């Protein structure tokens, strides 16, 4: 069911876009419907084995350090 208020907002915005931009919006809207939890493509573990041991221990340690330093903090400057 379409919310009339949202539909009006979308149509008003679309009317100001070029045809290629409108197509991008349409493509995006279609993609939203395809990403529901039931339709996500799942990769079997057997396919992931090709990636096993691809990253060196040194690179993995460097990535772990970067994650710990850059991601494990709270930034309260909103």
PDB file of N, CA and C in Angstrom:
ATOM      1  N   UNK A   1       0.846  -1.175   0.000  1.00  0.00           N
ATOM      2  CA  UNK A   1       0.000   0.000   0.000  1.00  0.00           C
ATOM      3  C   UNK A   1       0.894   1.242   0.000  1.00  0.00           C
ATOM      4  N   UNK A   2       0.565   2.173  -0.836  1.00  0.00           N
ATOM      5  CA  UNK A   2       1.362   3.389  -0.981  1.00  0.00           C
ATOM      6  C   UNK A   2       0.808   4.485  -0.071  1.00  0.00           C
ATOM      7  N   UNK A   3       1.688   5.083   0.696  1.00  0.00           N
ATOM      8  CA  UNK A   3       1.319   6.211   1.539  1.00  0.00           C
ATOM      9  C   UNK A   3       1.161   7.424   0.619  1.00  0.00           C
ATOM     10  N   UNK A   4      -0.033   8.006   0.534  1.00  0.00           N
ATOM     11  CA  UNK A   4      -0.269   9.120  -0.397  1.00  0.00           C
ATOM     12  C   UNK A   4       0.664  10.305  -0.186  1.00  0.00           C
ATOM     13  N   UNK A   5       0.988  10.609   1.057  1.00  0.00           N
ATOM     14  CA  UNK A   5       1.871  11.741   1.345  1.00  0.00           C
ATOM     15  C   UNK A   5       3.264  11.479   0.783  1.00  0.00           C
ATOM     16  N   UNK A   6       3.767  10.278   0.997  1.00  0.00           N
ATOM     17  CA  UNK A   6       5.100   9.932   0.491  1.00  0.00           C
ATOM     18  C   UNK A   6       5.082   9.889  -1.025  1.00  0.00           C
ATOM     19  N   UNK A   7       4.025   9.356  -1.597  1.00  0.00           N
ATOM     20  CA  UNK A   7       3.922   9.296  -3.056  1.00  0.00           C
ATOM     21  C   UNK A   7       3.990  10.704  -3.651  1.00  0.00           C
ATOM     22  N   UNK A   8       3.288  11.655  -3.049  1.00  0.00           N
ATOM     23  CA  UNK A   8       3.318  13.040  -3.536  1.00  0.00           C
ATOM     24  C   UNK A   8       4.730  13.625  -3.448  1.00  0.00           C
ATOM     25  N   UNK A   9       5.430  13.344  -2.333  1.00  0.00           N
ATOM     26  CA  UNK A   9       6.789  13.846  -2.168  1.00  0.00           C
ATOM     27  C   UNK A   9       7.717  13.259  -3.240  1.00  0.00           C
ATOM     28  N   UNK A  10       7.582  11.977  -3.481  1.00  0.00           N
ATOM     29  CA  UNK A  10       8.437  11.316  -4.480  1.00  0.00           C
ATOM     30  C   UNK A  10       8.156  11.874  -5.867  1.00  0.00           C
ATOM     31  N   UNK A  11       6.885  12.005  -6.212  1.00  0.00           N
ATOM     32  CA  UNK A  11       6.539  12.533  -7.536  1.00  0.00           C
ATOM     33  C   UNK A  11       7.027  13.967  -7.719  1.00  0.00           C
ATOM     34  N   UNK A  12       6.938  14.774  -6.671  1.00  0.00           N
ATOM     35  CA  UNK A  12       7.426  16.152  -6.759  1.00  0.00           C
ATOM     36  C   UNK A  12       8.933  16.170  -6.986  1.00  0.00           C
ATOM     37  N   UNK A  13       9.638  15.294  -6.289  1.00  0.00           N
ATOM     38  CA  UNK A  13      11.092  15.225  -6.465  1.00  0.00           C
ATOM     39  C   UNK A  13      11.450  14.688  -7.845  1.00  0.00           C
ATOM     40  N   UNK A  14      10.744  13.657  -8.292  1.00  0.00           N
ATOM     41  CA  UNK A  14      11.028  13.063  -9.599  1.00  0.00           C
ATOM     42  C   UNK A  14      10.834  14.071 -10.730  1.00  0.00           C
ATOM     43  N   UNK A  15       9.849  14.934 -10.599  1.00  0.00           N
ATOM     44  CA  UNK A  15       9.554  15.887 -11.670  1.00  0.00           C
ATOM     45  C   UNK A  15      10.695  16.872 -11.889  1.00  0.00           C
ATOM     46  N   UNK A  16      11.596  16.988 -10.920  1.00  0.00           N
ATOM     47  CA  UNK A  16      12.721  17.912 -11.042  1.00  0.00           C
ATOM     48  C   UNK A  16      13.993  17.232 -11.548  1.00  0.00           C
ATOM     49  N   UNK A  17      13.920  15.924 -11.778  1.00  0.00           N
ATOM     50  CA  UNK A  17      15.100  15.171 -12.198  1.00  0.00           C
ATOM     51  C   UNK A  17      15.105  14.942 -13.700  1.00  0.00           C
ATOM     52  N   UNK A  18      16.289  14.726 -14.239  1.00  0.00           N
ATOM     53  CA  UNK A  18      16.404  14.367 -15.648  1.00  0.00           C
ATOM     54  C   UNK A  18      15.931  12.926 -15.828  1.00  0.00           C
ATOM     55  N   UNK A  19      15.706  12.535 -17.063  1.00  0.00           N
ATOM     56  CA  UNK A  19      15.252  11.175 -17.345  1.00  0.00           C
ATOM     57  C   UNK A  19      16.236  10.112 -16.824  1.00  0.00           C
ATOM     58  N   UNK A  20      17.551  10.286 -17.047  1.00  0.00           N
ATOM     59  CA  UNK A  20      18.489   9.296 -16.507  1.00  0.00           C
ATOM     60  C   UNK A  20      18.448   9.222 -14.973  1.00  0.00           C
ATOM     61  N   UNK A  21      18.272  10.379 -14.333  1.00  0.00           N
ATOM     62  CA  UNK A  21      18.187  10.387 -12.871  1.00  0.00           C
ATOM     63  C   UNK A  21      16.906   9.683 -12.402  1.00  0.00           C
ATOM     64  N   UNK A  22      15.827   9.890 -13.127  1.00  0.00           N
ATOM     65  CA  UNK A  22      14.581   9.211 -12.802  1.00  0.00           C
ATOM     66  C   UNK A  22      14.744   7.698 -12.928  1.00  0.00           C
ATOM     67  N   UNK A  23      15.489   7.265 -13.941  1.00  0.00           N
ATOM     68  CA  UNK A  23      15.729   5.833 -14.121  1.00  0.00           C
ATOM     69  C   UNK A  23      16.537   5.268 -12.962  1.00  0.00           C
ATOM     70  N   UNK A  24      17.504   6.039 -12.496  1.00  0.00           N
ATOM     71  CA  UNK A  24      18.293   5.596 -11.331  1.00  0.00           C
ATOM     72  C   UNK A  24      17.404   5.415 -10.109  1.00  0.00           C
ATOM     73  N   UNK A  25      16.454   6.336  -9.917  1.00  0.00           N
ATOM     74  CA  UNK A  25      15.517   6.223  -8.798  1.00  0.00           C
ATOM     75  C   UNK A  25      14.666   4.964  -8.961  1.00  0.00           C
ATOM     76  N   UNK A  26      14.185   4.725 -10.172  1.00  0.00           N
ATOM     77  CA  UNK A  26      13.371   3.530 -10.423  1.00  0.00           C
ATOM     78  C   UNK A  26      14.176   2.259 -10.164  1.00  0.00           C
ATOM     79  N   UNK A  27      15.418   2.237 -10.635  1.00  0.00           N
ATOM     80  CA  UNK A  27      16.278   1.073 -10.402  1.00  0.00           C
ATOM     81  C   UNK A  27      16.522   0.858  -8.907  1.00  0.00           C
ATOM     82  N   UNK A  28      16.726   1.952  -8.189  1.00  0.00           N
ATOM     83  CA  UNK A  28      16.951   1.853  -6.749  1.00  0.00           C
ATOM     84  C   UNK A  28      15.708   1.308  -6.049  1.00  0.00           C
ATOM     85  N   UNK A  29      14.549   1.810  -6.429  1.00  0.00           N
ATOM     86  CA  UNK A  29      13.306   1.343  -5.810  1.00  0.00           C
ATOM     87  C   UNK A  29      13.116  -0.158  -6.053  1.00  0.00           C
ATOM     88  N   UNK A  30      13.439  -0.605  -7.275  1.00  0.00           N
ATOM     89  CA  UNK A  30      13.342  -2.036  -7.573  1.00  0.00           C
ATOM     90  C   UNK A  30      14.305  -2.836  -6.705  1.00  0.00           C
ATOM     91  N   UNK A  31      15.505  -2.309  -6.517  1.00  0.00           N
ATOM     92  CA  UNK A  31      16.510  -3.034  -5.735  1.00  0.00           C
ATOM     93  C   UNK A  31      16.099  -3.163  -4.272  1.00  0.00           C
ATOM     94  N   UNK A  32      15.367  -2.188  -3.753  1.00  0.00           N
ATOM     95  CA  UNK A  32      14.910  -2.264  -2.366  1.00  0.00           C
ATOM     96  C   UNK A  32      13.993  -3.461  -2.156  1.00  0.00           C
ATOM     97  N   UNK A  33      13.165  -3.753  -3.128  1.00  0.00           N
ATOM     98  CA  UNK A  33      12.254  -4.885  -3.024  1.00  0.00           C
ATOM     99  C   UNK A  33      12.958  -6.217  -3.133  1.00  0.00           C
ATOM    100  N   UNK A  34      14.138  -6.227  -3.737  1.00  0.00           N
ATOM    101  CA  UNK A  34      14.872  -7.471  -3.933  1.00  0.00           C
ATOM    102  C   UNK A  34      15.758  -7.827  -2.757  1.00  0.00           C
ATOM    103  N   UNK A  35      15.920  -6.946  -1.804  1.00  0.00           N
ATOM    104  CA  UNK A  35      16.864  -7.199  -0.719  1.00  0.00           C
ATOM    105  C   UNK A  35      16.189  -7.629   0.571  1.00  0.00           C
ATOM    106  N   UNK A  36      14.974  -8.130   0.461  1.00  0.00           N
ATOM    107  CA  UNK A  36      14.339  -8.630   1.678  1.00  0.00           C
ATOM    108  C   UNK A  36      15.098  -9.857   2.167  1.00  0.00           C
ATOM    109  N   UNK A  37      14.997 -10.153   3.424  1.00  0.00           N
ATOM    110  CA  UNK A  37      15.774 -11.237   4.038  1.00  0.00           C
ATOM    111  C   UNK A  37      15.570 -12.569   3.329  1.00  0.00           C
ATOM    112  N   UNK A  38      14.392 -12.817   2.832  1.00  0.00           N
ATOM    113  CA  UNK A  38      14.122 -14.093   2.180  1.00  0.00           C
ATOM    114  C   UNK A  38      14.724 -14.218   0.799  1.00  0.00           C
ATOM    115  N   UNK A  39      15.107 -13.102   0.188  1.00  0.00           N
ATOM    116  CA  UNK A  39      15.604 -13.174  -1.178  1.00  0.00           C
ATOM    117  C   UNK A  39      17.107 -12.959  -1.289  1.00  0.00           C
ATOM    118  N   UNK A  40      17.803 -12.822  -0.168  1.00  0.00           N
ATOM    119  CA  UNK A  40      19.243 -12.630  -0.230  1.00  0.00           C
ATOM    120  C   UNK A  40      19.926 -13.910  -0.691  1.00  0.00           C
ATOM    121  N   UNK A  41      20.904 -13.766  -1.550  1.00  0.00           N
ATOM    122  CA  UNK A  41      21.652 -14.923  -2.009  1.00  0.00           C
ATOM    123  C   UNK A  41      22.628 -15.328  -0.923  1.00  0.00           C
ATOM    124  N   UNK A  42      22.608 -16.574  -0.600  1.00  0.00           N
ATOM    125  CA  UNK A  42      23.521 -17.086   0.408  1.00  0.00           C
ATOM    126  C   UNK A  42      24.615 -17.887  -0.270  1.00  0.00           C
ATOM    127  N   UNK A  43      25.836 -17.745   0.224  1.00  0.00           N
ATOM    128  CA  UNK A  43      26.987 -18.431  -0.346  1.00  0.00           C
ATOM    129  C   UNK A  43      27.296 -19.668   0.487  1.00  0.00           C
ATOM    130  N   UNK A  44      27.304 -20.825  -0.160  1.00  0.00           N
ATOM    131  CA  UNK A  44      27.658 -22.044   0.580  1.00  0.00           C
ATOM    132  C   UNK A  44      29.100 -21.969   1.076  1.00  0.00           C
ATOM    133  N   UNK A  45      29.349 -22.550   2.229  1.00  0.00           N
ATOM    134  CA  UNK A  45      30.690 -22.542   2.796  1.00  0.00           C
ATOM    135  C   UNK A  45      31.726 -23.144   1.869  1.00  0.00           C
ATOM    136  N   UNK A  46      31.325 -24.125   1.072  1.00  0.00           N
ATOM    137  CA  UNK A  46      32.274 -24.764   0.157  1.00  0.00           C
ATOM    138  C   UNK A  46      32.848 -23.778  -0.848  1.00  0.00           C
ATOM    139  N   UNK A  47      32.050 -22.760  -1.226  1.00  0.00           N
ATOM    140  CA  UNK A  47      32.542 -21.740  -2.156  1.00  0.00           C
ATOM    141  C   UNK A  47      33.523 -20.791  -1.474  1.00  0.00           C
ATOM    142  N   UNK A  48      33.397 -20.641  -0.190  1.00  0.00           N
ATOM    143  CA  UNK A  48      34.276 -19.729   0.545  1.00  0.00           C
ATOM    144  C   UNK A  48      35.651 -20.330   0.807  1.00  0.00           C
ATOM    145  N   UNK A  49      35.777 -21.639   0.666  1.00  0.00           N
ATOM    146  CA  UNK A  49      37.063 -22.290   0.914  1.00  0.00           C
ATOM    147  C   UNK A  49      38.154 -21.788  -0.027  1.00  0.00           C
ATOM    148  N   UNK A  50      37.762 -21.286  -1.191  1.00  0.00           N
ATOM    149  CA  UNK A  50      38.750 -20.731  -2.125  1.00  0.00           C
ATOM    150  C   UNK A  50      39.494 -19.544  -1.508  1.00  0.00           C
ATOM    151  N   UNK A  51      38.884 -18.884  -0.543  1.00  0.00           N
ATOM    152  CA  UNK A  51      39.496 -17.713   0.074  1.00  0.00           C
ATOM    153  C   UNK A  51      40.284 -18.051   1.333  1.00  0.00           C
ATOM    154  N   UNK A  52      40.247 -19.295   1.726  1.00  0.00           N
ATOM    155  CA  UNK A  52      40.939 -19.715   2.935  1.00  0.00           C
ATOM    156  C   UNK A  52      42.435 -19.494   2.784  1.00  0.00           C
ATOM    157  N   UNK A  53      43.041 -18.872   3.757  1.00  0.00           N
ATOM    158  CA  UNK A  53      44.482 -18.655   3.809  1.00  0.00           C
ATOM    159  C   UNK A  53      45.000 -17.719   2.712  1.00  0.00           C
ATOM    160  N   UNK A  54      44.133 -16.850   2.196  1.00  0.00           N
ATOM    161  CA  UNK A  54      44.542 -15.899   1.159  1.00  0.00           C
ATOM    162  C   UNK A  54      45.293 -14.723   1.777  1.00  0.00           C
ATOM    163  N   UNK A  55      44.874 -14.313   2.964  1.00  0.00           N
ATOM    164  CA  UNK A  55      45.501 -13.180   3.640  1.00  0.00           C
ATOM    165  C   UNK A  55      46.613 -13.711   4.544  1.00  0.00           C
ATOM    166  N   UNK A  56      47.760 -13.084   4.446  1.00  0.00           N
ATOM    167  CA  UNK A  56      48.887 -13.518   5.275  1.00  0.00           C
ATOM    168  C   UNK A  56      48.607 -13.189   6.740  1.00  0.00           C
ATOM    169  N   UNK A  57      49.291 -13.878   7.633  1.00  0.00           N
ATOM    170  CA  UNK A  57      49.134 -13.617   9.059  1.00  0.00           C
ATOM    171  C   UNK A  57      49.495 -12.177   9.398  1.00  0.00           C
ATOM    172  N   UNK A  58      50.520 -11.645   8.718  1.00  0.00           N
ATOM    173  CA  UNK A  58      50.947 -10.269   8.975  1.00  0.00           C
ATOM    174  C   UNK A  58      49.861  -9.277   8.555  1.00  0.00           C
ATOM    175  N   UNK A  59      49.287  -9.499   7.372  1.00  0.00           N
ATOM    176  CA  UNK A  59      48.224  -8.608   6.905  1.00  0.00           C
ATOM    177  C   UNK A  59      47.003  -8.700   7.808  1.00  0.00           C
ATOM    178  N   UNK A  60      46.653  -9.901   8.239  1.00  0.00           N
ATOM    179  CA  UNK A  60      45.511 -10.080   9.126  1.00  0.00           C
ATOM    180  C   UNK A  60      45.745  -9.354  10.450  1.00  0.00           C
ATOM    181  N   UNK A  61      46.959  -9.441  10.971  1.00  0.00           N
ATOM    182  CA  UNK A  61      47.286  -8.757  12.228  1.00  0.00           C
ATOM    183  C   UNK A  61      47.201  -7.244  12.045  1.00  0.00           C
ATOM    184  N   UNK A  62      47.661  -6.757  10.906  1.00  0.00           N
ATOM    185  CA  UNK A  62      47.605  -5.316  10.635  1.00  0.00           C
ATOM    186  C   UNK A  62      46.158  -4.839  10.516  1.00  0.00           C
ATOM    187  N   UNK A  63      45.319  -5.635   9.854  1.00  0.00           N
ATOM    188  CA  UNK A  63      43.907  -5.268   9.741  1.00  0.00           C
ATOM    189  C   UNK A  63      43.226  -5.296  11.104  1.00  0.00           C
ATOM    190  N   UNK A  64      43.533  -6.297  11.904  1.00  0.00           N
ATOM    191  CA  UNK A  64      42.961  -6.391  13.247  1.00  0.00           C
ATOM    192  C   UNK A  64      43.345  -5.178  14.074  1.00  0.00           C
ATOM    193  N   UNK A  65      44.604  -4.771  13.986  1.00  0.00           N
ATOM    194  CA  UNK A  65      45.069  -3.606  14.738  1.00  0.00           C
ATOM    195  C   UNK A  65      44.345  -2.344  14.281  1.00  0.00           C
ATOM    196  N   UNK A  66      44.186  -2.183  12.966  1.00  0.00           N
ATOM    197  CA  UNK A  66      43.502  -1.001  12.443  1.00  0.00           C
ATOM    198  C   UNK A  66      42.051  -0.962  12.898  1.00  0.00           C
ATOM    199  N   UNK A  67      41.402  -2.117  12.919  1.00  0.00           N
ATOM    200  CA  UNK A  67      40.012  -2.177  13.379  1.00  0.00           C
ATOM    201  C   UNK A  67      39.929  -1.822  14.855  1.00  0.00           C
ATOM    202  N   UNK A  68      40.813  -2.395  15.642  1.00  0.00           N
ATOM    203  CA  UNK A  68      40.790  -2.117  17.075  1.00  0.00           C
ATOM    204  C   UNK A  68      41.064  -0.651  17.369  1.00  0.00           C
ATOM    205  N   UNK A  69      41.977  -0.040  16.626  1.00  0.00           N
ATOM    206  CA  UNK A  69      42.322   1.357  16.875  1.00  0.00           C
ATOM    207  C   UNK A  69      41.269   2.316  16.329  1.00  0.00           C
ATOM    208  N   UNK A  70      40.688   1.971  15.197  1.00  0.00           N
ATOM    209  CA  UNK A  70      39.794   2.916  14.541  1.00  0.00           C
ATOM    210  C   UNK A  70      38.317   2.686  14.762  1.00  0.00           C
ATOM    211  N   UNK A  71      37.937   1.491  15.147  1.00  0.00           N
ATOM    212  CA  UNK A  71      36.513   1.178  15.215  1.00  0.00           C
ATOM    213  C   UNK A  71      35.998   0.914  16.617  1.00  0.00           C
ATOM    214  N   UNK A  72      36.854   0.627  17.523  1.00  0.00           N
ATOM    215  CA  UNK A  72      36.391   0.287  18.859  1.00  0.00           C
ATOM    216  C   UNK A  72      36.435   1.488  19.792  1.00  0.00           C
ATOM    217  N   UNK A  73      35.792   2.553  19.317  1.00  0.00           N
ATOM    218  CA  UNK A  73      35.713   3.744  20.158  1.00  0.00           C
ATOM    219  C   UNK A  73      34.373   4.418  19.908  1.00  0.00           C
ATOM    220  N   UNK A  74      33.963   5.222  20.829  1.00  0.00           N
ATOM    221  CA  UNK A  74      32.699   5.924  20.721  1.00  0.00           C
ATOM    222  C   UNK A  74      32.986   7.388  20.424  1.00  0.00           C
ATOM    223  N   UNK A  75      32.398   7.883  19.352  1.00  0.00           N
ATOM    224  CA  UNK A  75      32.578   9.276  18.968  1.00  0.00           C
ATOM    225  C   UNK A  75      31.308  10.019  19.334  1.00  0.00           C
ATOM    226  N   UNK A  76      31.369  10.863  20.344  1.00  0.00           N
ATOM    227  CA  UNK A  76      30.185  11.572  20.812  1.00  0.00           C
ATOM    228  C   UNK A  76      30.016  12.948  20.174  1.00  0.00           C
ATOM    229  N   UNK A  77      30.793  13.250  19.146  1.00  0.00           N
ATOM    230  CA  UNK A  77      30.697  14.550  18.488  1.00  0.00           C
ATOM    231  C   UNK A  77      29.689  14.478  17.350  1.00  0.00           C
ATOM    232  N   UNK A  78      28.424  14.574  17.670  1.00  0.00           N
ATOM    233  CA  UNK A  78      27.373  14.480  16.653  1.00  0.00           C
ATOM    234  C   UNK A  78      27.068  15.823  16.178  1.00  0.00           C
TER     235      UNK A  78
END
